[in-house]
Structures are given as C-alpha cells and as structure tokens.
Amino acid sequence: MPKQSSQQKKTVERVMHEYKHGELQRAQGGKVKNPKQAIAIALHEAGASKNESGSKNRETLRKTKSKERRGATGQARAEGKRKARSSARGSSTTTRAELYEQAKRRDIPGGSRMSKAELARALKR
C-alpha cells in the first residue's frame, strides 16, 4: 500500500475525530455508528480508497480539502469554526455563541431564543 501524504493523514484524523465525537454523518442522514464504515469514509475522503482510480482519489481529496477550508466539516460545525463569508449584507466574523455571551453579560432578555441577526440588533441598541 502506498504511503499516505500529510494531507491525507490529517483528513483521516479529522474524520475519525468526527466519528469518535458522534459528528460523522451518513449520506442518508443520521450518525455513523460502525467503526468500519467510519474508516471507509475516512479513506474515501482522504483519497486513499483502494476501490477507486488514482484520478478519482485525487479529485476526492481536492474536494475534501476545499470543504475543510470552507469550514463545512462536521468537526468545524460542532466547534463553531465556520468561516464567515462576505455577502451583500456585509460580513460578520462574530459567531452566534459570542453574541449570545455578550447579550448575557448585558442582561438582554430573550437572548437564548434569538437568532444571530436578532442578537446583533439587540446588542446595537
């Protein structure tokens, strides 16, 4: 078996971390519970699957790395590390959790039921 690159190793580690913490999702929905299935997903995302061609593996690894840079992985979602995107309404790097903490410190009522936008408006007042 060929040696894995450092990118592939990091991807396998991330996927297995997601599995260990219950964040790894199945394609049909729901969580992955079988460790063998988690290993198969990790190797597929890392582009190290023995069941696919070299070009398909390279393409899969490229897509996975793009997903990791965007912060669209289960681990990033669980840790709240999603990168902010700039939009027509403006970009915000503050997460909802950070806004909620600020609202708690300022004793703003109903903060737990507010969306990120509502929290931002309430904090501006």
N, C-alpha and C. Protein backbone atom coordinates (compact mmCIF):
# COMPACT_ATOMS: atom_id res chain seq x y z
N MET A 1 0.85 -1.18 0.00
CA MET A 1 0.00 0.00 0.00
C MET A 1 0.89 1.24 0.00
N PRO A 2 0.58 2.23 -0.87
CA PRO A 2 1.40 3.44 -0.93
C PRO A 2 1.30 4.24 0.37
N LYS A 3 2.34 4.99 0.65
CA LYS A 3 2.37 5.81 1.85
C LYS A 3 1.41 6.99 1.70
N GLN A 4 0.73 7.35 2.80
CA GLN A 4 -0.20 8.48 2.76
C GLN A 4 0.56 9.79 2.88
N SER A 5 0.04 10.82 2.19
CA SER A 5 0.64 12.14 2.31
C SER A 5 0.18 12.76 3.63
N SER A 6 0.81 13.86 4.01
CA SER A 6 0.43 14.52 5.27
C SER A 6 -1.01 15.05 5.18
N GLN A 7 -1.43 15.51 4.00
CA GLN A 7 -2.81 15.98 3.82
C GLN A 7 -3.79 14.83 4.05
N GLN A 8 -3.46 13.68 3.51
CA GLN A 8 -4.34 12.52 3.68
C GLN A 8 -4.41 12.10 5.14
N LYS A 9 -3.29 12.13 5.84
CA LYS A 9 -3.27 11.76 7.25
C LYS A 9 -4.14 12.70 8.07
N LYS A 10 -4.04 13.99 7.80
CA LYS A 10 -4.83 14.98 8.53
C LYS A 10 -6.33 14.78 8.28
N THR A 11 -6.68 14.45 7.05
CA THR A 11 -8.08 14.21 6.72
C THR A 11 -8.61 12.98 7.45
N VAL A 12 -7.83 11.90 7.45
CA VAL A 12 -8.24 10.69 8.15
C VAL A 12 -8.40 10.98 9.64
N GLU A 13 -7.47 11.74 10.22
CA GLU A 13 -7.56 12.10 11.64
C GLU A 13 -8.83 12.90 11.91
N ARG A 14 -9.16 13.85 11.04
CA ARG A 14 -10.36 14.68 11.23
C ARG A 14 -11.62 13.84 11.18
N VAL A 15 -11.70 12.95 10.18
CA VAL A 15 -12.90 12.12 10.03
C VAL A 15 -13.06 11.18 11.22
N MET A 16 -11.97 10.60 11.68
CA MET A 16 -12.06 9.70 12.82
C MET A 16 -12.40 10.47 14.10
N HIS A 17 -11.94 11.71 14.20
CA HIS A 17 -12.31 12.56 15.33
C HIS A 17 -13.82 12.81 15.30
N GLU A 18 -14.34 13.12 14.11
CA GLU A 18 -15.79 13.33 13.98
C GLU A 18 -16.55 12.07 14.39
N TYR A 19 -16.05 10.91 13.97
CA TYR A 19 -16.72 9.64 14.34
C TYR A 19 -16.69 9.46 15.86
N LYS A 20 -15.54 9.67 16.46
CA LYS A 20 -15.39 9.47 17.89
C LYS A 20 -16.33 10.36 18.69
N HIS A 21 -16.56 11.58 18.21
CA HIS A 21 -17.40 12.54 18.92
C HIS A 21 -18.84 12.56 18.42
N GLY A 22 -19.20 11.60 17.56
CA GLY A 22 -20.57 11.49 17.10
C GLY A 22 -21.00 12.56 16.12
N GLU A 23 -20.06 13.13 15.38
CA GLU A 23 -20.36 14.20 14.44
C GLU A 23 -20.34 13.74 12.99
N LEU A 24 -19.91 12.50 12.74
CA LEU A 24 -19.79 11.99 11.38
C LEU A 24 -21.17 11.59 10.86
N GLN A 25 -21.59 12.19 9.76
CA GLN A 25 -22.92 11.98 9.21
C GLN A 25 -22.90 10.96 8.08
N ARG A 26 -23.97 10.18 7.99
CA ARG A 26 -24.16 9.27 6.86
C ARG A 26 -24.77 10.06 5.70
N ALA A 27 -24.63 9.54 4.50
CA ALA A 27 -25.19 10.21 3.33
C ALA A 27 -26.71 10.26 3.39
N GLN A 28 -27.35 9.22 3.95
CA GLN A 28 -28.81 9.17 4.03
C GLN A 28 -29.33 9.91 5.25
N GLY A 29 -28.47 10.50 6.04
CA GLY A 29 -28.86 11.16 7.27
C GLY A 29 -28.59 10.27 8.46
N GLY A 30 -28.42 10.85 9.60
CA GLY A 30 -28.11 10.08 10.79
C GLY A 30 -26.61 10.00 11.01
N LYS A 31 -26.24 9.45 12.13
CA LYS A 31 -24.84 9.36 12.52
C LYS A 31 -24.24 8.00 12.16
N VAL A 32 -22.95 8.00 11.87
CA VAL A 32 -22.24 6.75 11.59
C VAL A 32 -21.95 6.08 12.93
N LYS A 33 -22.35 4.81 13.05
CA LYS A 33 -22.15 4.08 14.30
C LYS A 33 -21.14 2.94 14.16
N ASN A 34 -20.88 2.51 12.95
CA ASN A 34 -19.99 1.38 12.70
C ASN A 34 -18.57 1.89 12.46
N PRO A 35 -17.58 1.43 13.25
CA PRO A 35 -16.21 1.91 13.06
C PRO A 35 -15.62 1.56 11.69
N LYS A 36 -16.03 0.42 11.12
CA LYS A 36 -15.52 0.07 9.78
C LYS A 36 -16.05 1.04 8.73
N GLN A 37 -17.30 1.47 8.90
CA GLN A 37 -17.87 2.44 7.97
C GLN A 37 -17.13 3.78 8.10
N ALA A 38 -16.79 4.17 9.33
CA ALA A 38 -16.06 5.41 9.55
C ALA A 38 -14.68 5.35 8.89
N ILE A 39 -14.02 4.20 8.98
CA ILE A 39 -12.71 4.05 8.35
C ILE A 39 -12.84 4.15 6.83
N ALA A 40 -13.88 3.52 6.27
CA ALA A 40 -14.10 3.59 4.83
C ALA A 40 -14.36 5.03 4.38
N ILE A 41 -15.13 5.77 5.16
CA ILE A 41 -15.40 7.18 4.83
C ILE A 41 -14.11 7.99 4.91
N ALA A 42 -13.31 7.74 5.95
CA ALA A 42 -12.05 8.47 6.12
C ALA A 42 -11.12 8.23 4.94
N LEU A 43 -10.96 6.98 4.54
CA LEU A 43 -10.08 6.68 3.40
C LEU A 43 -10.62 7.26 2.11
N HIS A 44 -11.94 7.24 1.94
CA HIS A 44 -12.53 7.82 0.73
C HIS A 44 -12.27 9.32 0.68
N GLU A 45 -12.56 10.03 1.79
CA GLU A 45 -12.37 11.48 1.81
C GLU A 45 -10.90 11.86 1.67
N ALA A 46 -10.00 10.99 2.14
CA ALA A 46 -8.57 11.27 2.05
C ALA A 46 -8.01 10.93 0.67
N GLY A 47 -8.83 10.34 -0.18
CA GLY A 47 -8.34 9.96 -1.50
C GLY A 47 -7.39 8.79 -1.43
N ALA A 48 -7.64 7.87 -0.49
CA ALA A 48 -6.76 6.72 -0.32
C ALA A 48 -7.54 5.42 -0.46
N SER A 49 -8.68 5.47 -1.15
CA SER A 49 -9.52 4.28 -1.30
C SER A 49 -8.90 3.34 -2.33
N LYS A 50 -8.87 2.05 -2.01
CA LYS A 50 -8.31 1.08 -2.95
C LYS A 50 -9.33 0.70 -4.02
N ASN A 51 -10.60 1.11 -3.83
CA ASN A 51 -11.66 0.76 -4.76
C ASN A 51 -11.88 1.80 -5.86
N GLU A 52 -11.08 2.86 -5.87
CA GLU A 52 -11.24 3.89 -6.88
C GLU A 52 -9.92 4.14 -7.60
N SER A 53 -10.02 4.75 -8.77
CA SER A 53 -8.82 5.03 -9.57
C SER A 53 -8.03 6.17 -8.93
N GLY A 54 -6.80 6.31 -9.38
CA GLY A 54 -5.93 7.38 -8.87
C GLY A 54 -6.49 8.76 -9.14
N SER A 55 -7.03 8.96 -10.34
CA SER A 55 -7.57 10.28 -10.68
C SER A 55 -8.81 10.59 -9.83
N LYS A 56 -9.65 9.58 -9.60
CA LYS A 56 -10.84 9.77 -8.76
C LYS A 56 -10.42 10.08 -7.32
N ASN A 57 -9.39 9.38 -6.81
CA ASN A 57 -8.89 9.64 -5.46
C ASN A 57 -8.35 11.06 -5.33
N ARG A 58 -7.60 11.52 -6.33
CA ARG A 58 -7.06 12.88 -6.30
C ARG A 58 -8.18 13.91 -6.31
N GLU A 59 -9.20 13.69 -7.12
CA GLU A 59 -10.35 14.60 -7.19
C GLU A 59 -11.10 14.63 -5.86
N THR A 60 -11.27 13.48 -5.23
CA THR A 60 -11.96 13.41 -3.95
C THR A 60 -11.18 14.15 -2.87
N LEU A 61 -9.85 13.99 -2.84
CA LEU A 61 -9.03 14.69 -1.87
C LEU A 61 -9.10 16.20 -2.09
N ARG A 62 -9.10 16.63 -3.36
CA ARG A 62 -9.19 18.06 -3.67
C ARG A 62 -10.51 18.63 -3.14
N LYS A 63 -11.62 17.92 -3.36
CA LYS A 63 -12.93 18.38 -2.88
C LYS A 63 -12.98 18.42 -1.35
N THR A 64 -12.39 17.41 -0.72
CA THR A 64 -12.37 17.35 0.74
C THR A 64 -11.59 18.52 1.33
N LYS A 65 -10.43 18.82 0.76
CA LYS A 65 -9.62 19.93 1.26
C LYS A 65 -10.35 21.26 1.07
N SER A 66 -11.09 21.39 -0.03
CA SER A 66 -11.88 22.59 -0.25
C SER A 66 -12.96 22.72 0.83
N LYS A 67 -13.59 21.59 1.16
CA LYS A 67 -14.62 21.57 2.20
C LYS A 67 -14.02 21.95 3.56
N GLU A 68 -12.83 21.46 3.84
CA GLU A 68 -12.17 21.78 5.11
C GLU A 68 -11.82 23.26 5.18
N ARG A 69 -11.35 23.84 4.07
CA ARG A 69 -11.03 25.27 4.06
C ARG A 69 -12.27 26.13 4.27
N ARG A 70 -13.41 25.69 3.71
CA ARG A 70 -14.67 26.43 3.87
C ARG A 70 -15.23 26.31 5.28
N GLY A 71 -14.79 25.31 6.03
CA GLY A 71 -15.34 25.07 7.36
C GLY A 71 -16.66 24.34 7.30
N ALA A 72 -16.82 23.46 6.30
CA ALA A 72 -18.08 22.75 6.10
C ALA A 72 -18.01 21.31 6.59
N THR A 73 -17.10 21.02 7.50
CA THR A 73 -16.99 19.67 8.04
C THR A 73 -17.80 19.56 9.32
N GLY A 74 -18.09 18.34 9.72
CA GLY A 74 -18.84 18.13 10.95
C GLY A 74 -18.10 18.66 12.16
N GLN A 75 -16.79 18.51 12.17
CA GLN A 75 -15.97 18.99 13.29
C GLN A 75 -16.03 20.51 13.37
N ALA A 76 -15.92 21.20 12.24
CA ALA A 76 -15.96 22.66 12.25
C ALA A 76 -17.32 23.17 12.70
N ARG A 77 -18.39 22.50 12.24
CA ARG A 77 -19.73 22.91 12.67
C ARG A 77 -19.90 22.73 14.16
N ALA A 78 -19.43 21.61 14.69
CA ALA A 78 -19.60 21.33 16.12
C ALA A 78 -18.79 22.30 16.98
N GLU A 79 -17.65 22.73 16.48
CA GLU A 79 -16.80 23.64 17.25
C GLU A 79 -17.11 25.10 16.95
N GLY A 80 -18.05 25.36 16.05
CA GLY A 80 -18.41 26.74 15.73
C GLY A 80 -17.32 27.49 15.00
N LYS A 81 -16.56 26.77 14.19
CA LYS A 81 -15.44 27.40 13.50
C LYS A 81 -15.75 27.66 12.03
N ARG A 82 -16.97 27.84 11.71
CA ARG A 82 -17.33 28.09 10.33
C ARG A 82 -16.82 29.46 9.92
N LYS A 83 -16.16 29.55 8.81
CA LYS A 83 -15.61 30.82 8.36
C LYS A 83 -16.73 31.71 7.87
N ALA A 84 -16.64 32.98 8.22
CA ALA A 84 -17.66 33.94 7.80
C ALA A 84 -17.44 34.28 6.33
N ARG A 85 -18.52 34.36 5.61
CA ARG A 85 -18.45 34.75 4.20
C ARG A 85 -18.99 36.16 4.06
N SER A 86 -18.38 36.94 3.19
CA SER A 86 -18.91 38.28 2.97
C SER A 86 -20.11 38.16 2.02
N SER A 87 -21.11 38.94 2.29
CA SER A 87 -22.31 38.91 1.48
C SER A 87 -22.74 40.34 1.20
N ALA A 88 -23.86 40.49 0.53
CA ALA A 88 -24.38 41.82 0.22
C ALA A 88 -24.73 42.57 1.50
N ARG A 89 -25.12 41.83 2.54
CA ARG A 89 -25.49 42.46 3.81
C ARG A 89 -24.27 42.80 4.65
N GLY A 90 -23.08 42.43 4.22
CA GLY A 90 -21.87 42.66 4.99
C GLY A 90 -21.40 41.39 5.65
N SER A 91 -20.14 41.37 6.04
CA SER A 91 -19.61 40.15 6.65
C SER A 91 -19.50 40.35 8.15
N SER A 92 -19.66 39.27 8.87
CA SER A 92 -19.55 39.29 10.31
C SER A 92 -18.70 38.11 10.74
N THR A 93 -17.68 38.39 11.53
CA THR A 93 -16.82 37.31 11.99
C THR A 93 -17.24 36.82 13.37
N THR A 94 -18.21 37.51 13.98
CA THR A 94 -18.68 37.12 15.30
C THR A 94 -19.68 35.98 15.17
N THR A 95 -19.50 34.94 15.99
CA THR A 95 -20.43 33.81 15.95
C THR A 95 -21.64 34.11 16.81
N ARG A 96 -22.69 33.31 16.63
CA ARG A 96 -23.90 33.48 17.41
C ARG A 96 -23.61 33.25 18.89
N ALA A 97 -22.75 32.28 19.17
CA ALA A 97 -22.39 31.98 20.56
C ALA A 97 -21.72 33.18 21.23
N GLU A 98 -20.84 33.86 20.49
CA GLU A 98 -20.18 35.05 21.04
C GLU A 98 -21.18 36.16 21.30
N LEU A 99 -22.11 36.36 20.35
CA LEU A 99 -23.14 37.39 20.52
C LEU A 99 -24.03 37.05 21.72
N TYR A 100 -24.36 35.78 21.88
CA TYR A 100 -25.20 35.35 23.00
C TYR A 100 -24.50 35.62 24.32
N GLU A 101 -23.20 35.35 24.40
CA GLU A 101 -22.44 35.64 25.62
C GLU A 101 -22.47 37.12 25.95
N GLN A 102 -22.31 37.97 24.92
CA GLN A 102 -22.38 39.41 25.14
C GLN A 102 -23.76 39.82 25.64
N ALA A 103 -24.81 39.22 25.08
CA ALA A 103 -26.18 39.52 25.49
C ALA A 103 -26.40 39.11 26.94
N LYS A 104 -25.85 37.96 27.34
CA LYS A 104 -25.98 37.52 28.74
C LYS A 104 -25.30 38.50 29.68
N ARG A 105 -24.11 38.97 29.29
CA ARG A 105 -23.38 39.93 30.14
C ARG A 105 -24.15 41.24 30.28
N ARG A 106 -24.86 41.64 29.22
CA ARG A 106 -25.63 42.89 29.26
C ARG A 106 -27.07 42.68 29.72
N ASP A 107 -27.40 41.46 30.15
CA ASP A 107 -28.75 41.13 30.66
C ASP A 107 -29.86 41.47 29.67
N ILE A 108 -29.68 41.09 28.42
CA ILE A 108 -30.72 41.30 27.40
C ILE A 108 -31.70 40.14 27.50
N PRO A 109 -32.98 40.40 27.74
CA PRO A 109 -33.94 39.31 27.92
C PRO A 109 -34.25 38.61 26.60
N GLY A 110 -34.47 37.30 26.66
CA GLY A 110 -34.85 36.51 25.49
C GLY A 110 -33.72 36.18 24.55
N GLY A 111 -32.49 36.37 24.98
CA GLY A 111 -31.34 36.14 24.10
C GLY A 111 -31.20 34.70 23.64
N SER A 112 -31.62 33.77 24.47
CA SER A 112 -31.47 32.36 24.10
C SER A 112 -32.38 31.96 22.95
N ARG A 113 -33.45 32.72 22.75
CA ARG A 113 -34.39 32.41 21.66
C ARG A 113 -34.12 33.23 20.40
N MET A 114 -33.15 34.12 20.44
CA MET A 114 -32.87 35.00 19.31
C MET A 114 -31.92 34.35 18.31
N SER A 115 -32.10 34.74 17.06
CA SER A 115 -31.16 34.31 16.02
C SER A 115 -29.92 35.20 16.09
N LYS A 116 -28.93 34.89 15.27
CA LYS A 116 -27.71 35.68 15.26
C LYS A 116 -28.00 37.12 14.88
N ALA A 117 -28.84 37.32 13.86
CA ALA A 117 -29.18 38.68 13.40
C ALA A 117 -29.94 39.44 14.49
N GLU A 118 -30.86 38.75 15.16
CA GLU A 118 -31.63 39.41 16.23
C GLU A 118 -30.72 39.79 17.39
N LEU A 119 -29.77 38.91 17.73
CA LEU A 119 -28.82 39.24 18.79
C LEU A 119 -27.98 40.45 18.42
N ALA A 120 -27.53 40.51 17.18
CA ALA A 120 -26.71 41.64 16.73
C ALA A 120 -27.51 42.94 16.82
N ARG A 121 -28.79 42.92 16.41
CA ARG A 121 -29.64 44.12 16.51
C ARG A 121 -29.86 44.52 17.96
N ALA A 122 -30.11 43.55 18.82
CA ALA A 122 -30.35 43.86 20.24
C ALA A 122 -29.11 44.43 20.90
N LEU A 123 -27.94 43.97 20.50
CA LEU A 123 -26.71 44.48 21.09
C LEU A 123 -26.37 45.87 20.59
N LYS A 124 -26.84 46.24 19.39
CA LYS A 124 -26.58 47.58 18.86
C LYS A 124 -27.39 48.65 19.58
N ARG A 125 -28.53 48.26 20.17
CA ARG A 125 -29.40 49.24 20.86
C ARG A 125 -28.75 49.78 22.09
